[in-house]
Amino acid sequence: MALVMIVCNVIAIAIGKATIKQPNVGLQLPSPTLFGGFSHGAMLGTLSLGHILGMGAILGLASRGVV
């Protein structure tokens, strides 16, 4: 299950990287290069989306008996 959540978070970060117009506006993270230049708000937003996607993926896979 953890692998599914990690994959969904990576997908959400890729979506955020492609769609957020100003990802570095606002409070900066300690290492901007480590997090792809995202600000605090952009990282929280993308990881929140990743957890929503992960929850749906895990529940869907569990209902089909895969996980």
PDB file of N, CA and C in Angstrom:
ATOM      1  N   MET A   1       0.810  -1.193   0.000  1.00  0.00           N
ATOM      2  CA  MET A   1       0.000   0.000   0.000  1.00  0.00           C
ATOM      3  C   MET A   1       0.857   1.262   0.000  1.00  0.00           C
ATOM      4  N   ALA A   2       1.988   1.193   0.675  1.00  0.00           N
ATOM      5  CA  ALA A   2       2.849   2.374   0.732  1.00  0.00           C
ATOM      6  C   ALA A   2       3.407   2.696  -0.646  1.00  0.00           C
ATOM      7  N   LEU A   3       3.683   1.674  -1.422  1.00  0.00           N
ATOM      8  CA  LEU A   3       4.207   1.895  -2.763  1.00  0.00           C
ATOM      9  C   LEU A   3       3.173   2.596  -3.646  1.00  0.00           C
ATOM     10  N   VAL A   4       1.911   2.227  -3.491  1.00  0.00           N
ATOM     11  CA  VAL A   4       0.842   2.886  -4.255  1.00  0.00           C
ATOM     12  C   VAL A   4       0.757   4.359  -3.881  1.00  0.00           C
ATOM     13  N   MET A   5       0.867   4.670  -2.594  1.00  0.00           N
ATOM     14  CA  MET A   5       0.802   6.064  -2.133  1.00  0.00           C
ATOM     15  C   MET A   5       1.995   6.861  -2.641  1.00  0.00           C
ATOM     16  N   ILE A   6       3.171   6.260  -2.636  1.00  0.00           N
ATOM     17  CA  ILE A   6       4.366   6.956  -3.129  1.00  0.00           C
ATOM     18  C   ILE A   6       4.231   7.258  -4.612  1.00  0.00           C
ATOM     19  N   VAL A   7       3.768   6.288  -5.381  1.00  0.00           N
ATOM     20  CA  VAL A   7       3.590   6.484  -6.829  1.00  0.00           C
ATOM     21  C   VAL A   7       2.562   7.582  -7.088  1.00  0.00           C
ATOM     22  N   CYS A   8       1.481   7.593  -6.338  1.00  0.00           N
ATOM     23  CA  CYS A   8       0.457   8.628  -6.530  1.00  0.00           C
ATOM     24  C   CYS A   8       0.990  10.010  -6.166  1.00  0.00           C
ATOM     25  N   ASN A   9       1.825  10.102  -5.139  1.00  0.00           N
ATOM     26  CA  ASN A   9       2.419  11.394  -4.784  1.00  0.00           C
ATOM     27  C   ASN A   9       3.400  11.870  -5.847  1.00  0.00           C
ATOM     28  N   VAL A  10       4.160  10.959  -6.427  1.00  0.00           N
ATOM     29  CA  VAL A  10       5.079  11.336  -7.497  1.00  0.00           C
ATOM     30  C   VAL A  10       4.291  11.819  -8.719  1.00  0.00           C
ATOM     31  N   ILE A  11       3.191  11.155  -9.029  1.00  0.00           N
ATOM     32  CA  ILE A  11       2.331  11.589 -10.140  1.00  0.00           C
ATOM     33  C   ILE A  11       1.763  12.975  -9.859  1.00  0.00           C
ATOM     34  N   ALA A  12       1.334  13.224  -8.618  1.00  0.00           N
ATOM     35  CA  ALA A  12       0.785  14.532  -8.260  1.00  0.00           C
ATOM     36  C   ALA A  12       1.839  15.624  -8.353  1.00  0.00           C
ATOM     37  N   ILE A  13       3.081  15.314  -7.969  1.00  0.00           N
ATOM     38  CA  ILE A  13       4.154  16.303  -8.092  1.00  0.00           C
ATOM     39  C   ILE A  13       4.410  16.619  -9.558  1.00  0.00           C
ATOM     40  N   ALA A  14       4.372  15.602 -10.413  1.00  0.00           N
ATOM     41  CA  ALA A  14       4.549  15.839 -11.859  1.00  0.00           C
ATOM     42  C   ALA A  14       3.406  16.682 -12.422  1.00  0.00           C
ATOM     43  N   ILE A  15       2.189  16.432 -11.973  1.00  0.00           N
ATOM     44  CA  ILE A  15       1.044  17.251 -12.403  1.00  0.00           C
ATOM     45  C   ILE A  15       1.221  18.685 -11.930  1.00  0.00           C
ATOM     46  N   GLY A  16       1.631  18.863 -10.677  1.00  0.00           N
ATOM     47  CA  GLY A  16       1.850  20.202 -10.132  1.00  0.00           C
ATOM     48  C   GLY A  16       2.961  20.936 -10.854  1.00  0.00           C
ATOM     49  N   LYS A  17       4.030  20.217 -11.179  1.00  0.00           N
ATOM     50  CA  LYS A  17       5.156  20.830 -11.889  1.00  0.00           C
ATOM     51  C   LYS A  17       4.716  21.330 -13.263  1.00  0.00           C
ATOM     52  N   ALA A  18       3.799  20.612 -13.897  1.00  0.00           N
ATOM     53  CA  ALA A  18       3.352  20.985 -15.236  1.00  0.00           C
ATOM     54  C   ALA A  18       2.264  22.056 -15.230  1.00  0.00           C
ATOM     55  N   THR A  19       1.505  22.186 -14.153  1.00  0.00           N
ATOM     56  CA  THR A  19       0.332  23.063 -14.196  1.00  0.00           C
ATOM     57  C   THR A  19       0.400  24.309 -13.319  1.00  0.00           C
ATOM     58  N   ILE A  20       1.194  24.315 -12.255  1.00  0.00           N
ATOM     59  CA  ILE A  20       1.253  25.484 -11.379  1.00  0.00           C
ATOM     60  C   ILE A  20       2.080  26.566 -12.068  1.00  0.00           C
ATOM     61  N   LYS A  21       1.477  27.743 -12.249  1.00  0.00           N
ATOM     62  CA  LYS A  21       2.150  28.812 -12.996  1.00  0.00           C
ATOM     63  C   LYS A  21       3.298  29.436 -12.221  1.00  0.00           C
ATOM     64  N   GLN A  22       3.125  29.654 -10.941  1.00  0.00           N
ATOM     65  CA  GLN A  22       4.173  30.270 -10.119  1.00  0.00           C
ATOM     66  C   GLN A  22       4.438  29.378  -8.902  1.00  0.00           C
ATOM     67  N   PRO A  23       5.187  28.287  -9.080  1.00  0.00           N
ATOM     68  CA  PRO A  23       5.375  27.337  -7.988  1.00  0.00           C
ATOM     69  C   PRO A  23       6.316  27.811  -6.880  1.00  0.00           C
ATOM     70  N   ASN A  24       7.023  28.905  -7.090  1.00  0.00           N
ATOM     71  CA  ASN A  24       7.996  29.339  -6.089  1.00  0.00           C
ATOM     72  C   ASN A  24       7.603  30.632  -5.391  1.00  0.00           C
ATOM     73  N   VAL A  25       6.344  31.025  -5.448  1.00  0.00           N
ATOM     74  CA  VAL A  25       5.873  32.241  -4.781  1.00  0.00           C
ATOM     75  C   VAL A  25       5.422  31.882  -3.373  1.00  0.00           C
ATOM     76  N   GLY A  26       5.886  32.633  -2.403  1.00  0.00           N
ATOM     77  CA  GLY A  26       5.487  32.411  -1.018  1.00  0.00           C
ATOM     78  C   GLY A  26       6.634  31.888  -0.179  1.00  0.00           C
ATOM     79  N   LEU A  27       6.289  31.312   0.956  1.00  0.00           N
ATOM     80  CA  LEU A  27       7.268  30.781   1.897  1.00  0.00           C
ATOM     81  C   LEU A  27       8.059  29.656   1.241  1.00  0.00           C
ATOM     82  N   GLN A  28       9.381  29.766   1.274  1.00  0.00           N
ATOM     83  CA  GLN A  28      10.238  28.774   0.620  1.00  0.00           C
ATOM     84  C   GLN A  28      10.544  27.616   1.561  1.00  0.00           C
ATOM     85  N   LEU A  29      10.777  26.458   0.983  1.00  0.00           N
ATOM     86  CA  LEU A  29      11.200  25.291   1.742  1.00  0.00           C
ATOM     87  C   LEU A  29      12.696  25.403   2.048  1.00  0.00           C
ATOM     88  N   PRO A  30      13.206  24.632   3.000  1.00  0.00           N
ATOM     89  CA  PRO A  30      14.618  24.749   3.375  1.00  0.00           C
ATOM     90  C   PRO A  30      15.588  24.516   2.217  1.00  0.00           C
ATOM     91  N   SER A  31      15.307  23.565   1.357  1.00  0.00           N
ATOM     92  CA  SER A  31      16.171  23.287   0.220  1.00  0.00           C
ATOM     93  C   SER A  31      15.340  23.349  -1.055  1.00  0.00           C
ATOM     94  N   PRO A  32      15.309  24.497  -1.741  1.00  0.00           N
ATOM     95  CA  PRO A  32      14.445  24.630  -2.905  1.00  0.00           C
ATOM     96  C   PRO A  32      14.790  23.663  -4.030  1.00  0.00           C
ATOM     97  N   THR A  33      16.059  23.304  -4.167  1.00  0.00           N
ATOM     98  CA  THR A  33      16.418  22.393  -5.253  1.00  0.00           C
ATOM     99  C   THR A  33      15.970  20.964  -4.965  1.00  0.00           C
ATOM    100  N   LEU A  34      15.876  20.593  -3.696  1.00  0.00           N
ATOM    101  CA  LEU A  34      15.457  19.248  -3.332  1.00  0.00           C
ATOM    102  C   LEU A  34      13.998  19.005  -3.705  1.00  0.00           C
ATOM    103  N   PHE A  35      13.169  20.017  -3.566  1.00  0.00           N
ATOM    104  CA  PHE A  35      11.740  19.868  -3.828  1.00  0.00           C
ATOM    105  C   PHE A  35      11.331  20.448  -5.175  1.00  0.00           C
ATOM    106  N   GLY A  36      12.250  20.581  -6.095  1.00  0.00           N
ATOM    107  CA  GLY A  36      11.920  21.017  -7.444  1.00  0.00           C
ATOM    108  C   GLY A  36      11.583  22.485  -7.572  1.00  0.00           C
ATOM    109  N   GLY A  37      11.981  23.301  -6.620  1.00  0.00           N
ATOM    110  CA  GLY A  37      11.702  24.728  -6.689  1.00  0.00           C
ATOM    111  C   GLY A  37      10.313  25.112  -6.207  1.00  0.00           C
ATOM    112  N   PHE A  38       9.593  24.178  -5.595  1.00  0.00           N
ATOM    113  CA  PHE A  38       8.262  24.481  -5.081  1.00  0.00           C
ATOM    114  C   PHE A  38       8.345  25.297  -3.805  1.00  0.00           C
ATOM    115  N   SER A  39       7.360  26.155  -3.603  1.00  0.00           N
ATOM    116  CA  SER A  39       7.231  26.851  -2.330  1.00  0.00           C
ATOM    117  C   SER A  39       6.474  25.943  -1.368  1.00  0.00           C
ATOM    118  N   HIS A  40       6.325  26.417  -0.153  1.00  0.00           N
ATOM    119  CA  HIS A  40       5.633  25.649   0.879  1.00  0.00           C
ATOM    120  C   HIS A  40       4.195  25.341   0.462  1.00  0.00           C
ATOM    121  N   GLY A  41       3.487  26.338  -0.038  1.00  0.00           N
ATOM    122  CA  GLY A  41       2.096  26.150  -0.438  1.00  0.00           C
ATOM    123  C   GLY A  41       1.939  25.218  -1.623  1.00  0.00           C
ATOM    124  N   ALA A  42       2.826  25.344  -2.601  1.00  0.00           N
ATOM    125  CA  ALA A  42       2.751  24.478  -3.778  1.00  0.00           C
ATOM    126  C   ALA A  42       3.040  23.029  -3.396  1.00  0.00           C
ATOM    127  N   MET A  43       3.993  22.803  -2.512  1.00  0.00           N
ATOM    128  CA  MET A  43       4.303  21.441  -2.089  1.00  0.00           C
ATOM    129  C   MET A  43       3.156  20.845  -1.282  1.00  0.00           C
ATOM    130  N   LEU A  44       2.565  21.641  -0.387  1.00  0.00           N
ATOM    131  CA  LEU A  44       1.422  21.137   0.377  1.00  0.00           C
ATOM    132  C   LEU A  44       0.251  20.808  -0.542  1.00  0.00           C
ATOM    133  N   GLY A  45       0.032  21.651  -1.535  1.00  0.00           N
ATOM    134  CA  GLY A  45      -1.062  21.401  -2.476  1.00  0.00           C
ATOM    135  C   GLY A  45      -0.853  20.151  -3.297  1.00  0.00           C
ATOM    136  N   THR A  46       0.343  19.966  -3.819  1.00  0.00           N
ATOM    137  CA  THR A  46       0.588  18.790  -4.651  1.00  0.00           C
ATOM    138  C   THR A  46       0.567  17.504  -3.820  1.00  0.00           C
ATOM    139  N   LEU A  47       1.109  17.547  -2.613  1.00  0.00           N
ATOM    140  CA  LEU A  47       1.082  16.341  -1.790  1.00  0.00           C
ATOM    141  C   LEU A  47      -0.319  16.038  -1.270  1.00  0.00           C
ATOM    142  N   SER A  48      -1.137  17.064  -1.075  1.00  0.00           N
ATOM    143  CA  SER A  48      -2.534  16.820  -0.715  1.00  0.00           C
ATOM    144  C   SER A  48      -3.264  16.127  -1.855  1.00  0.00           C
ATOM    145  N   LEU A  49      -3.035  16.603  -3.072  1.00  0.00           N
ATOM    146  CA  LEU A  49      -3.618  15.941  -4.240  1.00  0.00           C
ATOM    147  C   LEU A  49      -3.111  14.506  -4.346  1.00  0.00           C
ATOM    148  N   GLY A  50      -1.834  14.292  -4.088  1.00  0.00           N
ATOM    149  CA  GLY A  50      -1.272  12.950  -4.142  1.00  0.00           C
ATOM    150  C   GLY A  50      -1.911  12.007  -3.133  1.00  0.00           C
ATOM    151  N   HIS A  51      -2.194  12.507  -1.952  1.00  0.00           N
ATOM    152  CA  HIS A  51      -2.835  11.663  -0.948  1.00  0.00           C
ATOM    153  C   HIS A  51      -4.282  11.363  -1.316  1.00  0.00           C
ATOM    154  N   ILE A  52      -4.966  12.309  -1.928  1.00  0.00           N
ATOM    155  CA  ILE A  52      -6.338  12.046  -2.391  1.00  0.00           C
ATOM    156  C   ILE A  52      -6.326  10.993  -3.494  1.00  0.00           C
ATOM    157  N   LEU A  53      -5.401  11.127  -4.447  1.00  0.00           N
ATOM    158  CA  LEU A  53      -5.272  10.136  -5.505  1.00  0.00           C
ATOM    159  C   LEU A  53      -4.890   8.770  -4.929  1.00  0.00           C
ATOM    160  N   GLY A  54      -3.971   8.763  -3.978  1.00  0.00           N
ATOM    161  CA  GLY A  54      -3.533   7.522  -3.359  1.00  0.00           C
ATOM    162  C   GLY A  54      -4.641   6.831  -2.591  1.00  0.00           C
ATOM    163  N   MET A  55      -5.436   7.610  -1.874  1.00  0.00           N
ATOM    164  CA  MET A  55      -6.555   7.031  -1.138  1.00  0.00           C
ATOM    165  C   MET A  55      -7.533   6.371  -2.095  1.00  0.00           C
ATOM    166  N   GLY A  56      -7.837   7.052  -3.192  1.00  0.00           N
ATOM    167  CA  GLY A  56      -8.745   6.475  -4.178  1.00  0.00           C
ATOM    168  C   GLY A  56      -8.172   5.230  -4.828  1.00  0.00           C
ATOM    169  N   ALA A  57      -6.878   5.263  -5.135  1.00  0.00           N
ATOM    170  CA  ALA A  57      -6.238   4.108  -5.760  1.00  0.00           C
ATOM    171  C   ALA A  57      -6.205   2.915  -4.810  1.00  0.00           C
ATOM    172  N   ILE A  58      -5.871   3.151  -3.550  1.00  0.00           N
ATOM    173  CA  ILE A  58      -5.803   2.054  -2.578  1.00  0.00           C
ATOM    174  C   ILE A  58      -7.185   1.471  -2.327  1.00  0.00           C
ATOM    175  N   LEU A  59      -8.188   2.331  -2.169  1.00  0.00           N
ATOM    176  CA  LEU A  59      -9.550   1.822  -1.953  1.00  0.00           C
ATOM    177  C   LEU A  59     -10.063   1.070  -3.179  1.00  0.00           C
ATOM    178  N   GLY A  60      -9.751   1.576  -4.369  1.00  0.00           N
ATOM    179  CA  GLY A  60     -10.171   0.888  -5.588  1.00  0.00           C
ATOM    180  C   GLY A  60      -9.483  -0.456  -5.767  1.00  0.00           C
ATOM    181  N   LEU A  61      -8.181  -0.496  -5.510  1.00  0.00           N
ATOM    182  CA  LEU A  61      -7.454  -1.758  -5.631  1.00  0.00           C
ATOM    183  C   LEU A  61      -7.886  -2.754  -4.552  1.00  0.00           C
ATOM    184  N   ALA A  62      -8.188  -2.245  -3.356  1.00  0.00           N
ATOM    185  CA  ALA A  62      -8.624  -3.135  -2.268  1.00  0.00           C
ATOM    186  C   ALA A  62      -9.998  -3.714  -2.563  1.00  0.00           C
ATOM    187  N   SER A  63     -10.880  -2.934  -3.183  1.00  0.00           N
ATOM    188  CA  SER A  63     -12.209  -3.446  -3.476  1.00  0.00           C
ATOM    189  C   SER A  63     -12.172  -4.511  -4.585  1.00  0.00           C
ATOM    190  N   ARG A  64     -11.142  -4.458  -5.421  1.00  0.00           N
ATOM    191  CA  ARG A  64     -10.973  -5.479  -6.472  1.00  0.00           C
ATOM    192  C   ARG A  64     -10.159  -6.671  -5.980  1.00  0.00           C
ATOM    193  N   GLY A  65      -9.626  -6.585  -4.771  1.00  0.00           N
ATOM    194  CA  GLY A  65      -8.877  -7.687  -4.203  1.00  0.00           C
ATOM    195  C   GLY A  65      -7.420  -7.739  -4.636  1.00  0.00           C
ATOM    196  N   VAL A  66      -6.911  -6.661  -5.215  1.00  0.00           N
ATOM    197  CA  VAL A  66      -5.520  -6.638  -5.681  1.00  0.00           C
ATOM    198  C   VAL A  66      -4.577  -6.375  -4.499  1.00  0.00           C
ATOM    199  N   VAL A  67      -4.974  -5.481  -3.622  1.00  0.00           N
ATOM    200  CA  VAL A  67      -4.116  -5.127  -2.484  1.00  0.00           C
ATOM    201  C   VAL A  67      -4.634  -5.816  -1.251  1.00  0.00           C
TER     202      VAL A  67
END
